[in-house]
Amino acid sequence: MYLVNKVILALVLCVSATTLWCQKTNSNNLEIGVIAAGDEALYYGGYSKYTTPLSQNKHHFTLAFSIVAYFDFKGESEPNATLKNDIDMRLLPTINFGYSLNFNSVQINFEVPVGASIAITKGTLLNKKIGFKKTYSNTETFFNYGLSFSPKYKLNSYNSIGIYSFIPLVSDKAQSGYQIGVGWTKNISVKN
């Protein structure tokens, strides 16, 4: 536990120092957006991502922390049972390691998000043949990683709009799948 605390403290200090050092040319930014996701069913949701540049170069490496949440409200059916009034949700907290290419008003980001996929399902399990009805709840967590591609158009030095996409490289039984969406990015610190 002591070693874990030291590692977390070292990471926080490293990100803080990097953040202060990089504010001269590249800026930290906060991105929010809406997405559609899934493999077997269509999910809808949103995402948020905080990104910090790791150098002052025009093209630079980045470190980001993100959370994605998407939902499916469609009931599921098995041969002998049906899940009614259900909420099927996926939460994906990740750390993203990336590279940012910057050309005038266009920014192209390539990232490798690594984190977890948390699948939460709640509803009512029904079997009409035998008159069975029971409240159902299930939560599972899986390791998740993949590739992300996000082109952005800079509206001004403070704001950008863009596309967010994620392709998972691992398949889990919860089918935390492909994601595509649109987002708005707000630069938190801008060069003078």
Protein backbone atom coordinates (compact mmCIF):
# COMPACT_ATOMS: atom_id res chain seq x y z
CA MET A 1 0.00 0.00 0.00
CA TYR A 2 2.87 2.35 0.84
CA LEU A 3 4.45 1.73 -2.58
CA VAL A 4 1.12 2.37 -4.36
CA ASN A 5 0.75 5.70 -2.54
CA LYS A 6 4.30 6.71 -3.54
CA VAL A 7 3.63 5.82 -7.19
CA ILE A 8 0.36 7.79 -7.22
CA LEU A 9 2.07 10.79 -5.61
CA ALA A 10 4.91 10.62 -8.16
CA LEU A 11 2.41 10.51 -11.05
CA VAL A 12 0.46 13.48 -9.67
CA LEU A 13 3.66 15.53 -9.22
CA CYS A 14 4.88 14.57 -12.71
CA VAL A 15 1.58 15.57 -14.37
CA SER A 16 1.46 18.81 -12.33
CA ALA A 17 5.03 19.75 -13.28
CA THR A 18 4.39 18.87 -16.92
CA THR A 19 1.20 20.91 -16.89
CA LEU A 20 2.96 24.01 -15.56
CA TRP A 21 5.92 23.61 -17.93
CA CYS A 22 3.78 23.13 -21.05
CA GLN A 23 1.44 26.04 -20.55
CA LYS A 24 3.84 28.34 -22.39
CA THR A 25 3.01 26.95 -25.85
CA ASN A 26 0.54 24.06 -25.63
CA SER A 27 -2.54 24.19 -23.47
CA ASN A 28 -4.40 21.76 -21.29
CA ASN A 29 -7.91 21.15 -22.51
CA LEU A 30 -11.21 19.72 -21.42
CA GLU A 31 -13.33 17.95 -24.01
CA ILE A 32 -16.99 16.93 -23.69
CA GLY A 33 -19.21 15.30 -26.25
CA VAL A 34 -21.95 12.87 -27.21
CA ILE A 35 -21.41 9.39 -28.65
CA ALA A 36 -23.12 6.38 -30.19
CA ALA A 37 -21.53 3.05 -29.30
CA GLY A 38 -21.87 -0.71 -29.23
CA ASP A 39 -21.43 -3.90 -31.20
CA GLU A 40 -24.65 -5.89 -30.81
CA ALA A 41 -26.99 -3.03 -29.87
CA LEU A 42 -26.87 0.72 -30.33
CA TYR A 43 -26.01 2.65 -27.18
CA TYR A 44 -26.14 6.41 -26.64
CA GLY A 45 -24.09 8.42 -24.19
CA GLY A 46 -21.41 10.98 -23.56
CA TYR A 47 -17.77 11.40 -22.75
CA SER A 48 -15.40 13.80 -21.05
CA LYS A 49 -11.63 13.99 -21.39
CA TYR A 50 -8.93 16.10 -19.72
CA THR A 51 -5.74 16.29 -21.82
CA THR A 52 -2.31 17.61 -20.91
CA PRO A 53 0.51 18.12 -23.46
CA LEU A 54 3.85 16.52 -22.58
CA SER A 55 6.11 18.90 -24.51
CA GLN A 56 6.23 22.37 -26.05
CA ASN A 57 6.69 21.08 -29.60
CA LYS A 58 4.15 21.80 -32.33
CA HIS A 59 3.53 18.06 -32.67
CA HIS A 60 3.65 16.54 -29.20
CA PHE A 61 2.82 13.59 -26.96
CA THR A 62 -0.18 13.89 -24.65
CA LEU A 63 -1.53 12.30 -21.50
CA ALA A 64 -5.28 12.29 -20.95
CA PHE A 65 -7.81 11.02 -18.44
CA SER A 66 -11.28 10.22 -19.75
CA ILE A 67 -14.63 8.80 -18.71
CA VAL A 68 -17.16 7.46 -21.20
CA ALA A 69 -20.72 6.46 -20.27
CA TYR A 70 -23.30 5.02 -22.63
CA PHE A 71 -26.71 3.43 -22.17
CA ASP A 72 -29.18 1.04 -23.83
CA PHE A 73 -32.81 1.03 -22.63
CA LYS A 74 -33.95 -1.80 -24.92
CA GLY A 75 -35.06 -5.02 -23.20
CA GLU A 76 -33.19 -8.24 -23.83
CA SER A 77 -34.76 -11.62 -24.56
CA GLU A 78 -33.51 -15.17 -24.07
CA PRO A 79 -35.45 -18.29 -25.15
CA ASN A 80 -36.98 -18.74 -21.67
CA ALA A 81 -36.79 -15.28 -20.10
CA THR A 82 -37.08 -11.58 -20.89
CA LEU A 83 -35.44 -8.61 -19.18
CA LYS A 84 -37.98 -5.77 -18.94
CA ASN A 85 -37.65 -2.15 -17.79
CA ASP A 86 -33.91 -2.54 -17.94
CA ILE A 87 -31.03 -0.11 -18.01
CA ASP A 88 -27.87 -1.43 -19.61
CA MET A 89 -24.94 0.91 -18.96
CA ARG A 90 -21.22 0.92 -19.72
CA LEU A 91 -18.68 3.10 -17.90
CA LEU A 92 -15.16 3.29 -19.33
CA PRO A 93 -12.61 5.20 -17.22
CA THR A 94 -9.26 5.32 -19.05
CA ILE A 95 -5.80 6.83 -19.14
CA ASN A 96 -4.95 7.81 -22.73
CA PHE A 97 -1.43 7.96 -24.10
CA GLY A 98 -1.35 9.90 -27.35
CA TYR A 99 0.31 11.95 -30.02
CA SER A 100 -1.07 15.24 -31.36
CA LEU A 101 -0.38 16.57 -34.86
CA ASN A 102 -1.13 20.30 -35.26
CA PHE A 103 -1.60 22.09 -38.61
CA ASN A 104 -2.94 25.68 -38.52
CA SER A 105 -6.64 25.15 -37.67
CA VAL A 106 -6.60 21.35 -37.67
CA GLN A 107 -5.46 19.07 -34.87
CA ILE A 108 -5.28 15.28 -35.32
CA ASN A 109 -4.96 13.14 -32.19
CA PHE A 110 -3.99 9.48 -32.03
CA GLU A 111 -4.37 7.80 -28.63
CA VAL A 112 -4.16 4.45 -26.90
CA PRO A 113 -6.78 4.43 -24.11
CA VAL A 114 -6.09 1.87 -21.36
CA GLY A 115 -8.55 1.29 -18.55
CA ALA A 116 -11.65 -0.55 -17.47
CA SER A 117 -15.03 -1.37 -18.93
CA ILE A 118 -17.69 -1.54 -16.24
CA ALA A 119 -20.93 -3.19 -17.39
CA ILE A 120 -24.00 -2.50 -15.24
CA THR A 121 -27.39 -4.08 -16.02
CA LYS A 122 -30.55 -3.63 -13.94
CA GLY A 123 -34.11 -4.62 -14.68
CA THR A 124 -36.89 -7.15 -14.09
CA LEU A 125 -36.37 -10.76 -15.22
CA LEU A 126 -39.61 -12.38 -16.48
CA ASN A 127 -40.58 -15.88 -17.57
CA LYS A 128 -44.26 -15.81 -18.53
CA LYS A 129 -44.50 -19.61 -19.04
CA ILE A 130 -43.90 -20.37 -15.37
CA GLY A 131 -44.98 -17.02 -13.91
CA PHE A 132 -41.49 -16.07 -12.73
CA LYS A 133 -40.67 -12.42 -11.95
CA LYS A 134 -37.52 -11.22 -10.18
CA THR A 135 -35.50 -8.03 -9.87
CA TYR A 136 -32.22 -8.45 -11.74
CA SER A 137 -28.95 -6.63 -11.18
CA ASN A 138 -25.48 -7.43 -12.50
CA THR A 139 -22.16 -5.55 -12.52
CA GLU A 140 -19.01 -6.79 -14.21
CA THR A 141 -15.63 -5.16 -14.77
CA PHE A 142 -13.26 -5.93 -17.64
CA PHE A 143 -9.82 -4.70 -18.70
CA ASN A 144 -10.18 -2.51 -21.80
CA TYR A 145 -7.77 -0.95 -24.29
CA GLY A 146 -7.86 0.14 -27.89
CA LEU A 147 -7.09 2.86 -30.42
CA SER A 148 -8.63 6.32 -30.61
CA PHE A 149 -8.59 8.78 -33.51
CA SER A 150 -9.86 12.34 -32.96
CA PRO A 151 -9.55 15.07 -35.60
CA LYS A 152 -10.49 18.58 -34.40
CA TYR A 153 -11.08 21.92 -36.05
CA LYS A 154 -9.88 24.96 -34.06
CA LEU A 155 -12.56 27.66 -34.03
CA ASN A 156 -10.22 30.01 -32.11
CA SER A 157 -7.43 29.72 -29.54
CA TYR A 158 -9.95 28.71 -26.88
CA ASN A 159 -12.41 26.35 -28.63
CA SER A 160 -12.39 23.40 -31.03
CA ILE A 161 -14.99 21.01 -32.39
CA GLY A 162 -14.24 17.53 -33.60
CA ILE A 163 -14.96 13.86 -34.01
CA TYR A 164 -14.14 11.24 -31.39
CA SER A 165 -13.71 7.58 -32.29
CA PHE A 166 -12.59 4.49 -30.36
CA ILE A 167 -11.90 0.98 -31.59
CA PRO A 168 -11.47 -1.60 -28.80
CA LEU A 169 -8.69 -4.14 -29.26
CA VAL A 170 -10.09 -6.53 -26.68
CA SER A 171 -13.47 -8.26 -26.81
CA ASP A 172 -15.37 -8.81 -23.57
CA LYS A 173 -18.64 -10.62 -22.97
CA ALA A 174 -20.35 -7.30 -22.22
CA GLN A 175 -19.56 -6.19 -25.79
CA SER A 176 -18.14 -2.80 -24.86
CA GLY A 177 -17.75 -1.86 -28.47
CA TYR A 178 -16.92 0.77 -31.01
CA GLN A 179 -17.63 4.40 -30.22
CA ILE A 180 -18.07 7.43 -32.45
CA GLY A 181 -19.19 10.88 -31.49
CA VAL A 182 -18.84 14.61 -31.76
CA GLY A 183 -17.29 16.83 -29.14
CA TRP A 184 -16.38 20.34 -28.12
CA THR A 185 -12.95 21.14 -26.63
CA LYS A 186 -12.24 24.09 -24.34
CA ASN A 187 -8.60 25.07 -23.82
CA ILE A 188 -7.96 25.78 -20.17
CA SER A 189 -4.62 27.59 -20.53
CA VAL A 190 -3.77 29.49 -23.70
CA LYS A 191 -0.43 30.97 -24.73
CA ASN A 192 -0.15 34.76 -24.57
